[in-house]
Amino acid sequence: MQTSEFLVSAPGKVILHGEHSVVHGKVALAVSVNLRTHLRLQATSSGDVRINLPNIDTFLSWEITALQPLLAGCKAEQDGLKEPDADLLKRLREFTGISDDSTDTRSMAVLAFLYMYLTVFAGSLASITVSVWSELPTGAGLGSSAAYNVCLSAALLSARGTISSPLTPQLESARWRKEELELINRWAFMGEKIIHGNPSGVDNAVGTWGGFLRYHAGNITPLSWVPILRILLTNTKVPRSTKVLVSGVKDKINKFPSIMNPVLESISAVSVTCEQTLTEMAAHGPSADYYNILEELIDINQHHLNVMGVGHSSLDTLCRVTLARGLHSKLTGAGGGGCGITLLRPETDTSMIQSTIEELKACGFDCWETSIGAPGVQQHSSAALSQDILKILNSY
């Protein structure tokens, strides 16, 4: 390992438009949200491998000599990029005591880390300590597991020397070349498969590339030259089952096809119109007319999602509180609670934003001002990170 330390970060994601309709072959827009997961990988001489995940109170270590036998018969590194090695996963579950039916956040994070570490370093296991801290809440539909897997992928591949270290003494933050980002994304997707089974690949793609991505019928296309937009991100903290919500939408489509299919087509048209508007904003500047269109699209889509049966009283409260201040909101993700986004104009008054956040928190929600369209995975110098984040990462 030529470099003794790597600091990387990756963003979370929100769905701007197209949730649920994308399941039925329609266009969706996924965007990076500038709440990031940060990872520090440090080479050590301790003879063991450590993972520190303070967000979920997980601190574990294993001796390299105990991990080495798990690689017996392991597939070649390049084969592991297609599907996770079922035999290795089985051995890892037995080694860690994680049962086959366990899907809790802690178990899945540990399993993904050990699998990626062993397959990346298969030829020569290295003694490392990995510490991860995230600004993203888990289980909120904001791509926290994908940001984690993207960070792991980038740091492990860099430490192994499979990809370059893009950082130079003249830079505080840097990104990898296109072909290296593609490799990072493929490995992160494998981590997502370990955690989620059959993910779409959207979340890890957003974490890798950042910005705005168009998703349609399994094809993911990064959009270039789109503006960064300010938003409020609200977590209603109402739990919901994505599986149940998706199934409910399907049942409604089957029951009322002549009613629901046009709704799906309209949501897809919202996604396409939003994409066109963002492209024009990037070319001509963020005028009030463009923001008017974006706000109308948010309102239209939110009404459509309510028609589809994935709204919730908590999301109605979010829309009511923000609309009273002239702001426009919609759910993001599966709905039924979960998270919502609120578009902020450049001229939106700071005091009004703060009062909105305070009222939403008084409703029992978590709320942040952040942005969408942020950069994807990056390597950083210690000078590029806030002292608070650096202190957390360095304390383990």
Protein backbone atom coordinates (compact mmCIF):
# COMPACT_ATOMS: atom_id res chain seq x y z
CA MET A 1 0.00 0.00 0.00
CA GLN A 2 1.78 3.12 -1.24
CA THR A 3 -0.39 5.58 0.70
CA SER A 4 -0.99 5.09 4.42
CA GLU A 5 -4.32 6.96 4.56
CA PHE A 6 -7.31 7.60 2.30
CA LEU A 7 -10.17 10.01 3.01
CA VAL A 8 -13.18 9.68 0.72
CA SER A 9 -16.82 10.78 0.68
CA ALA A 10 -19.94 10.04 -1.35
CA PRO A 11 -23.39 11.69 -1.43
CA GLY A 12 -26.81 10.30 -0.67
CA LYS A 13 -29.67 10.48 -3.14
CA VAL A 14 -33.27 11.53 -3.54
CA ILE A 15 -35.75 10.81 -6.31
CA LEU A 16 -36.72 14.13 -7.85
CA HIS A 17 -39.51 12.72 -10.04
CA GLY A 18 -40.68 9.31 -11.18
CA GLU A 19 -40.93 7.23 -8.00
CA HIS A 20 -43.23 4.19 -8.43
CA SER A 21 -43.82 4.90 -12.12
CA VAL A 22 -40.21 3.88 -12.75
CA VAL A 23 -41.12 0.36 -11.60
CA HIS A 24 -43.49 0.23 -14.57
CA GLY A 25 -40.97 1.27 -17.20
CA LYS A 26 -41.33 5.05 -16.99
CA VAL A 27 -38.65 7.76 -16.71
CA ALA A 28 -37.34 8.81 -13.30
CA LEU A 29 -34.81 11.45 -12.23
CA ALA A 30 -32.51 10.60 -9.34
CA VAL A 31 -30.24 13.29 -7.88
CA SER A 32 -27.41 13.46 -5.37
CA VAL A 33 -28.14 15.20 -2.09
CA ASN A 34 -25.30 17.03 -0.37
CA LEU A 35 -25.48 15.02 2.81
CA ARG A 36 -22.44 12.81 2.61
CA THR A 37 -20.90 9.66 4.01
CA HIS A 38 -17.23 10.04 4.95
CA LEU A 39 -14.67 7.24 5.21
CA ARG A 40 -11.11 7.09 6.49
CA LEU A 41 -8.94 4.10 5.61
CA GLN A 42 -5.63 3.83 7.42
CA ALA A 43 -2.88 1.26 6.89
CA THR A 44 -1.67 -0.29 10.15
CA SER A 45 0.84 -2.87 11.34
CA SER A 46 -1.48 -4.49 13.89
CA GLY A 47 -2.08 -7.66 11.91
CA ASP A 48 -5.84 -7.20 12.01
CA VAL A 49 -8.70 -5.53 10.14
CA ARG A 50 -10.95 -3.06 11.93
CA ILE A 51 -14.25 -1.44 11.02
CA ASN A 52 -15.66 1.48 13.02
CA LEU A 53 -19.26 2.55 12.31
CA PRO A 54 -20.19 5.02 15.07
CA ASN A 55 -23.57 5.90 13.47
CA ILE A 56 -24.77 2.38 14.25
CA ASP A 57 -22.58 1.78 17.31
CA THR A 58 -20.50 -0.93 15.62
CA PHE A 59 -16.78 -1.43 16.33
CA LEU A 60 -15.28 -4.75 15.25
CA SER A 61 -11.90 -6.26 14.42
CA TRP A 62 -10.63 -9.57 13.06
CA GLU A 63 -7.14 -11.04 12.80
CA ILE A 64 -5.94 -11.44 9.23
CA THR A 65 -4.85 -15.00 9.98
CA ALA A 66 -8.47 -15.83 10.86
CA LEU A 67 -9.84 -14.23 7.69
CA GLN A 68 -7.38 -15.78 5.24
CA PRO A 69 -8.94 -19.32 5.23
CA LEU A 70 -12.29 -17.85 4.18
CA LEU A 71 -10.83 -17.16 0.72
CA ALA A 72 -10.31 -20.84 -0.08
CA GLY A 73 -11.88 -21.46 -3.48
CA CYS A 74 -12.95 -17.82 -3.82
CA LYS A 75 -13.68 -16.68 -7.38
CA ALA A 76 -11.23 -14.42 -9.18
CA GLU A 77 -11.56 -10.70 -8.51
CA GLN A 78 -13.06 -9.85 -11.88
CA ASP A 79 -15.71 -12.57 -11.56
CA GLY A 80 -16.86 -11.06 -8.29
CA LEU A 81 -18.06 -7.98 -10.14
CA LYS A 82 -20.95 -9.89 -11.74
CA GLU A 83 -22.63 -11.46 -8.73
CA PRO A 84 -21.45 -11.96 -5.14
CA ASP A 85 -19.81 -15.33 -4.53
CA ALA A 86 -22.53 -17.29 -2.70
CA ASP A 87 -20.01 -19.69 -1.11
CA LEU A 88 -17.91 -16.86 0.29
CA LEU A 89 -21.03 -15.12 1.62
CA LYS A 90 -22.09 -18.35 3.32
CA ARG A 91 -18.66 -18.72 4.96
CA LEU A 92 -18.75 -15.08 6.06
CA ARG A 93 -22.18 -15.51 7.65
CA GLU A 94 -20.94 -18.55 9.54
CA PHE A 95 -17.73 -16.76 10.57
CA THR A 96 -19.55 -13.67 11.87
CA GLY A 97 -22.61 -15.45 13.24
CA ILE A 98 -24.93 -13.49 10.95
CA SER A 99 -27.91 -15.72 10.15
CA ASP A 100 -29.24 -16.21 6.63
CA ASP A 101 -32.45 -14.34 7.42
CA SER A 102 -30.74 -11.40 9.13
CA THR A 103 -31.19 -8.11 7.28
CA ASP A 104 -30.55 -5.53 10.01
CA THR A 105 -28.39 -2.53 9.16
CA ARG A 106 -25.45 -3.53 11.35
CA SER A 107 -25.22 -7.10 10.01
CA MET A 108 -25.50 -6.07 6.39
CA ALA A 109 -22.89 -3.30 6.74
CA VAL A 110 -20.42 -5.74 8.30
CA LEU A 111 -21.10 -8.42 5.69
CA ALA A 112 -20.62 -6.00 2.79
CA PHE A 113 -17.38 -4.66 4.27
CA LEU A 114 -15.82 -8.07 4.88
CA TYR A 115 -16.85 -9.36 1.45
CA MET A 116 -15.45 -6.34 -0.39
CA TYR A 117 -12.26 -6.29 1.70
CA LEU A 118 -11.55 -9.98 1.11
CA THR A 119 -12.25 -9.91 -2.63
CA VAL A 120 -10.36 -6.68 -3.32
CA PHE A 121 -7.32 -7.76 -1.27
CA ALA A 122 -7.63 -11.47 -2.13
CA GLY A 123 -4.00 -11.77 -3.24
CA SER A 124 -2.51 -10.22 -0.10
CA LEU A 125 -4.69 -9.25 2.84
CA ALA A 126 -3.61 -5.91 4.29
CA SER A 127 -3.84 -4.68 7.86
CA ILE A 128 -6.19 -1.68 7.81
CA THR A 129 -8.59 0.33 9.94
CA VAL A 130 -11.70 1.72 8.27
CA SER A 131 -13.83 4.36 10.01
CA VAL A 132 -17.09 5.62 8.53
CA TRP A 133 -19.34 8.47 9.62
CA SER A 134 -22.43 9.63 7.77
CA GLU A 135 -24.63 12.70 7.66
CA LEU A 136 -27.35 10.48 6.16
CA PRO A 137 -29.97 8.83 8.37
CA THR A 138 -30.29 5.08 7.79
CA GLY A 139 -33.50 3.54 6.51
CA ALA A 140 -34.90 6.85 5.24
CA GLY A 141 -34.67 6.13 1.50
CA LEU A 142 -31.74 8.52 1.04
CA GLY A 143 -29.22 6.00 -0.29
CA SER A 144 -27.19 5.65 2.92
CA SER A 145 -26.13 2.07 2.17
CA ALA A 146 -25.10 3.01 -1.39
CA ALA A 147 -23.00 5.95 -0.16
CA TYR A 148 -21.34 3.54 2.29
CA ASN A 149 -20.63 0.98 -0.45
CA VAL A 150 -19.32 3.62 -2.85
CA CYS A 151 -16.92 4.91 -0.17
CA LEU A 152 -15.78 1.37 0.64
CA SER A 153 -15.27 0.58 -3.03
CA ALA A 154 -13.27 3.73 -3.76
CA ALA A 155 -11.07 3.47 -0.66
CA LEU A 156 -10.35 -0.26 -0.91
CA LEU A 157 -9.60 -0.16 -4.65
CA SER A 158 -7.31 2.86 -4.14
CA ALA A 159 -5.51 1.26 -1.20
CA ARG A 160 -5.03 -1.95 -3.19
CA GLY A 161 -3.63 0.04 -6.13
CA THR A 162 -6.33 -1.17 -8.51
CA ILE A 163 -7.22 2.46 -9.25
CA SER A 164 -5.13 5.58 -8.90
CA SER A 165 -5.14 8.10 -6.10
CA PRO A 166 -6.33 11.29 -7.87
CA LEU A 167 -5.32 13.62 -5.06
CA THR A 168 -2.17 15.72 -5.53
CA PRO A 169 -0.46 18.14 -3.12
CA GLN A 170 -2.03 21.01 -5.07
CA LEU A 171 -5.60 19.71 -4.58
CA GLU A 172 -7.80 19.38 -1.50
CA SER A 173 -10.42 17.21 -3.24
CA ALA A 174 -10.31 15.23 -6.47
CA ARG A 175 -12.29 12.72 -8.52
CA TRP A 176 -11.18 9.60 -10.37
CA ARG A 177 -11.11 9.16 -14.15
CA LYS A 178 -14.25 7.92 -15.93
CA GLU A 179 -13.08 4.32 -16.28
CA GLU A 180 -12.07 4.26 -12.61
CA LEU A 181 -15.46 5.64 -11.57
CA GLU A 182 -17.10 2.89 -13.59
CA LEU A 183 -15.06 0.31 -11.65
CA ILE A 184 -15.94 1.97 -8.32
CA ASN A 185 -19.61 1.87 -9.33
CA ARG A 186 -19.51 -1.83 -10.27
CA TRP A 187 -17.93 -2.82 -6.95
CA ALA A 188 -20.37 -0.62 -5.03
CA PHE A 189 -23.25 -2.30 -6.88
CA MET A 190 -21.96 -5.64 -5.67
CA GLY A 191 -22.05 -4.31 -2.10
CA GLU A 192 -25.62 -3.16 -2.70
CA LYS A 193 -26.55 -6.66 -3.90
CA ILE A 194 -25.17 -8.12 -0.69
CA ILE A 195 -27.26 -5.72 1.39
CA HIS A 196 -30.47 -5.50 -0.67
CA GLY A 197 -30.53 -8.61 -2.86
CA ASN A 198 -31.86 -7.13 -6.11
CA PRO A 199 -31.25 -3.35 -6.19
CA SER A 200 -31.82 -1.21 -9.28
CA GLY A 201 -28.31 0.23 -9.30
CA VAL A 202 -29.61 3.80 -9.20
CA ASP A 203 -28.44 4.60 -5.66
CA ASN A 204 -24.82 3.51 -6.14
CA ALA A 205 -24.72 5.25 -9.55
CA VAL A 206 -25.81 8.53 -7.94
CA GLY A 207 -23.25 8.05 -5.15
CA THR A 208 -20.51 7.46 -7.72
CA TRP A 209 -21.30 10.06 -10.38
CA GLY A 210 -23.25 12.63 -8.38
CA GLY A 211 -25.44 15.23 -10.08
CA PHE A 212 -28.61 14.17 -11.88
CA LEU A 213 -29.26 10.75 -13.41
CA ARG A 214 -31.99 9.67 -15.79
CA TYR A 215 -33.28 6.15 -15.14
CA HIS A 216 -35.45 4.41 -17.72
CA ALA A 217 -36.09 0.70 -18.27
CA GLY A 218 -32.87 -0.29 -16.51
CA ASN A 219 -30.68 2.23 -18.32
CA ILE A 220 -28.91 4.85 -16.19
CA THR A 221 -27.70 8.02 -17.93
CA PRO A 222 -25.82 10.78 -16.05
CA LEU A 223 -26.96 14.24 -17.12
CA SER A 224 -24.29 16.85 -17.63
CA TRP A 225 -24.50 20.60 -17.19
CA VAL A 226 -27.41 20.74 -14.78
CA PRO A 227 -27.68 23.28 -11.94
CA ILE A 228 -27.25 22.65 -8.24
CA LEU A 229 -30.55 23.42 -6.51
CA ARG A 230 -31.16 24.34 -2.87
CA ILE A 231 -33.76 22.31 -1.00
CA LEU A 232 -35.13 21.52 2.39
CA LEU A 233 -34.95 17.80 3.09
CA THR A 234 -37.51 16.60 5.62
CA ASN A 235 -37.60 13.20 7.29
CA THR A 236 -41.09 12.63 8.70
CA LYS A 237 -39.67 9.65 10.64
CA VAL A 238 -42.84 7.72 9.77
CA PRO A 239 -41.75 4.13 9.04
CA ARG A 240 -43.04 2.47 5.90
CA SER A 241 -42.50 -0.66 3.82
CA THR A 242 -41.37 0.02 0.27
CA LYS A 243 -42.43 -3.51 -0.68
CA VAL A 244 -45.98 -2.98 0.60
CA LEU A 245 -46.30 0.42 -1.09
CA VAL A 246 -45.03 -0.87 -4.45
CA SER A 247 -47.44 -3.81 -4.22
CA GLY A 248 -50.34 -1.46 -3.44
CA VAL A 249 -49.61 0.66 -6.52
CA LYS A 250 -49.49 -2.48 -8.67
CA ASP A 251 -52.84 -3.64 -7.31
CA LYS A 252 -54.41 -0.27 -8.07
CA ILE A 253 -53.05 -0.33 -11.64
CA ASN A 254 -54.46 -3.83 -12.16
CA LYS A 255 -57.83 -2.79 -10.73
CA PHE A 256 -58.14 0.52 -12.59
CA PRO A 257 -55.85 0.28 -15.63
CA SER A 258 -57.71 2.89 -17.71
CA ILE A 259 -57.34 5.38 -14.83
CA MET A 260 -53.88 4.56 -13.51
CA ASN A 261 -51.94 4.03 -16.72
CA PRO A 262 -52.48 7.65 -17.80
CA VAL A 263 -51.25 8.71 -14.35
CA LEU A 264 -48.05 6.74 -14.91
CA GLU A 265 -47.62 8.37 -18.32
CA SER A 266 -48.16 11.81 -16.79
CA ILE A 267 -45.56 11.22 -14.08
CA SER A 268 -43.09 10.14 -16.77
CA ALA A 269 -43.89 13.34 -18.68
CA VAL A 270 -43.19 15.33 -15.50
CA SER A 271 -39.74 13.70 -15.32
CA VAL A 272 -39.01 14.47 -18.97
CA THR A 273 -40.24 18.08 -18.66
CA CYS A 274 -38.14 18.58 -15.52
CA GLU A 275 -35.08 17.21 -17.33
CA GLN A 276 -35.64 19.65 -20.21
CA THR A 277 -36.14 22.55 -17.80
CA LEU A 278 -32.95 21.79 -15.87
CA THR A 279 -31.00 21.56 -19.13
CA GLU A 280 -32.30 24.97 -20.20
CA MET A 281 -31.53 26.44 -16.76
CA ALA A 282 -27.95 25.26 -17.08
CA ALA A 283 -27.65 26.90 -20.48
CA HIS A 284 -29.49 30.16 -19.85
CA GLY A 285 -29.36 30.75 -16.10
CA PRO A 286 -31.80 30.14 -13.24
CA SER A 287 -34.56 32.62 -14.10
CA ALA A 288 -37.84 32.95 -12.17
CA ASP A 289 -39.71 31.40 -15.09
CA TYR A 290 -37.73 28.16 -14.76
CA TYR A 291 -38.35 28.02 -11.01
CA ASN A 292 -42.07 28.53 -11.66
CA ILE A 293 -42.04 25.46 -13.91
CA LEU A 294 -40.10 23.36 -11.38
CA GLU A 295 -42.56 24.31 -8.63
CA GLU A 296 -45.58 23.44 -10.77
CA LEU A 297 -44.03 20.07 -11.63
CA ILE A 298 -43.48 19.35 -7.93
CA ASP A 299 -47.14 20.09 -7.18
CA ILE A 300 -48.40 18.01 -10.11
CA ASN A 301 -46.26 15.03 -9.17
CA GLN A 302 -47.26 15.17 -5.51
CA HIS A 303 -50.94 15.09 -6.51
CA HIS A 304 -50.27 12.13 -8.81
CA LEU A 305 -48.52 10.26 -6.02
CA ASN A 306 -51.50 10.85 -3.74
CA VAL A 307 -53.76 9.44 -6.48
CA MET A 308 -51.51 6.36 -6.56
CA GLY A 309 -52.12 5.85 -2.85
CA VAL A 310 -48.60 6.48 -1.54
CA GLY A 311 -49.27 9.75 0.26
CA HIS A 312 -49.49 10.12 4.04
CA SER A 313 -50.85 12.63 6.53
CA SER A 314 -47.29 13.50 7.57
CA LEU A 315 -46.45 14.42 3.97
CA ASP A 316 -49.67 16.43 3.74
CA THR A 317 -48.46 18.35 6.80
CA LEU A 318 -45.11 19.01 5.12
CA CYS A 319 -46.84 20.35 1.99
CA ARG A 320 -49.24 22.50 4.03
CA VAL A 321 -46.52 24.05 6.23
CA THR A 322 -44.25 24.89 3.30
CA LEU A 323 -47.01 26.08 0.94
CA ALA A 324 -48.14 28.55 3.59
CA ARG A 325 -44.74 30.19 3.00
CA GLY A 326 -44.93 29.96 -0.78
CA LEU A 327 -42.70 26.86 -0.94
CA HIS A 328 -43.49 23.70 -2.88
CA SER A 329 -42.89 20.15 -1.59
CA LYS A 330 -43.31 16.54 -2.61
CA LEU A 331 -42.49 13.14 -1.20
CA THR A 332 -39.31 11.47 -2.38
CA GLY A 333 -38.90 7.71 -2.52
CA ALA A 334 -41.54 5.18 -1.63
CA GLY A 335 -43.89 7.55 0.19
CA GLY A 336 -46.23 6.45 2.97
CA GLY A 337 -44.20 8.69 5.27
CA GLY A 338 -40.44 8.71 4.85
CA CYS A 339 -38.88 11.83 3.34
CA GLY A 340 -39.95 14.86 1.35
CA ILE A 341 -38.14 17.64 -0.50
CA THR A 342 -38.95 21.35 -0.70
CA LEU A 343 -37.52 23.53 -3.48
CA LEU A 344 -35.86 26.78 -2.41
CA ARG A 345 -35.42 29.68 -4.81
CA PRO A 346 -32.11 31.61 -4.82
CA GLU A 347 -33.85 34.64 -3.31
CA THR A 348 -35.65 32.70 -0.55
CA ASP A 349 -35.17 34.63 2.69
CA THR A 350 -32.93 33.00 5.30
CA SER A 351 -35.20 33.87 8.21
CA MET A 352 -38.18 32.35 6.42
CA ILE A 353 -36.23 29.16 5.77
CA GLN A 354 -35.27 28.95 9.44
CA SER A 355 -38.84 29.51 10.63
CA THR A 356 -40.02 26.78 8.24
CA ILE A 357 -37.43 24.35 9.60
CA GLU A 358 -38.44 25.17 13.17
CA GLU A 359 -42.15 24.60 12.45
CA LEU A 360 -41.42 21.27 10.74
CA LYS A 361 -39.29 20.18 13.69
CA ALA A 362 -42.16 21.16 16.00
CA CYS A 363 -44.26 18.65 14.01
CA GLY A 364 -41.79 15.95 15.06
CA PHE A 365 -39.86 15.89 11.80
CA ASP A 366 -36.13 16.19 11.12
CA CYS A 367 -35.31 18.90 8.58
CA TRP A 368 -32.12 20.19 6.93
CA GLU A 369 -31.27 22.80 4.35
CA THR A 370 -29.02 21.20 1.75
CA SER A 371 -28.63 21.00 -2.03
CA ILE A 372 -29.16 18.52 -4.86
CA GLY A 373 -26.82 17.99 -7.77
CA ALA A 374 -23.71 17.71 -5.56
CA PRO A 375 -20.48 15.98 -6.71
CA GLY A 376 -20.19 12.21 -6.56
CA VAL A 377 -17.48 10.20 -4.81
CA GLN A 378 -14.31 12.17 -4.07
CA GLN A 379 -10.96 11.73 -2.38
CA HIS A 380 -10.02 14.46 0.09
CA SER A 381 -7.06 15.84 1.96
CA SER A 382 -7.55 16.34 5.69
CA ALA A 383 -7.65 20.10 5.03
CA ALA A 384 -10.77 19.68 2.86
CA LEU A 385 -12.90 18.18 5.63
CA SER A 386 -14.58 20.05 8.42
CA GLN A 387 -12.83 19.75 11.76
CA ASP A 388 -15.92 18.09 13.25
CA ILE A 389 -15.93 15.31 10.66
CA LEU A 390 -12.17 14.87 10.86
CA LYS A 391 -12.33 14.65 14.64
CA ILE A 392 -14.93 11.87 14.45
CA LEU A 393 -12.98 9.88 11.86
CA ASN A 394 -9.69 10.29 13.72
CA SER A 395 -11.12 9.26 17.07
CA TYR A 396 -11.24 5.56 16.20
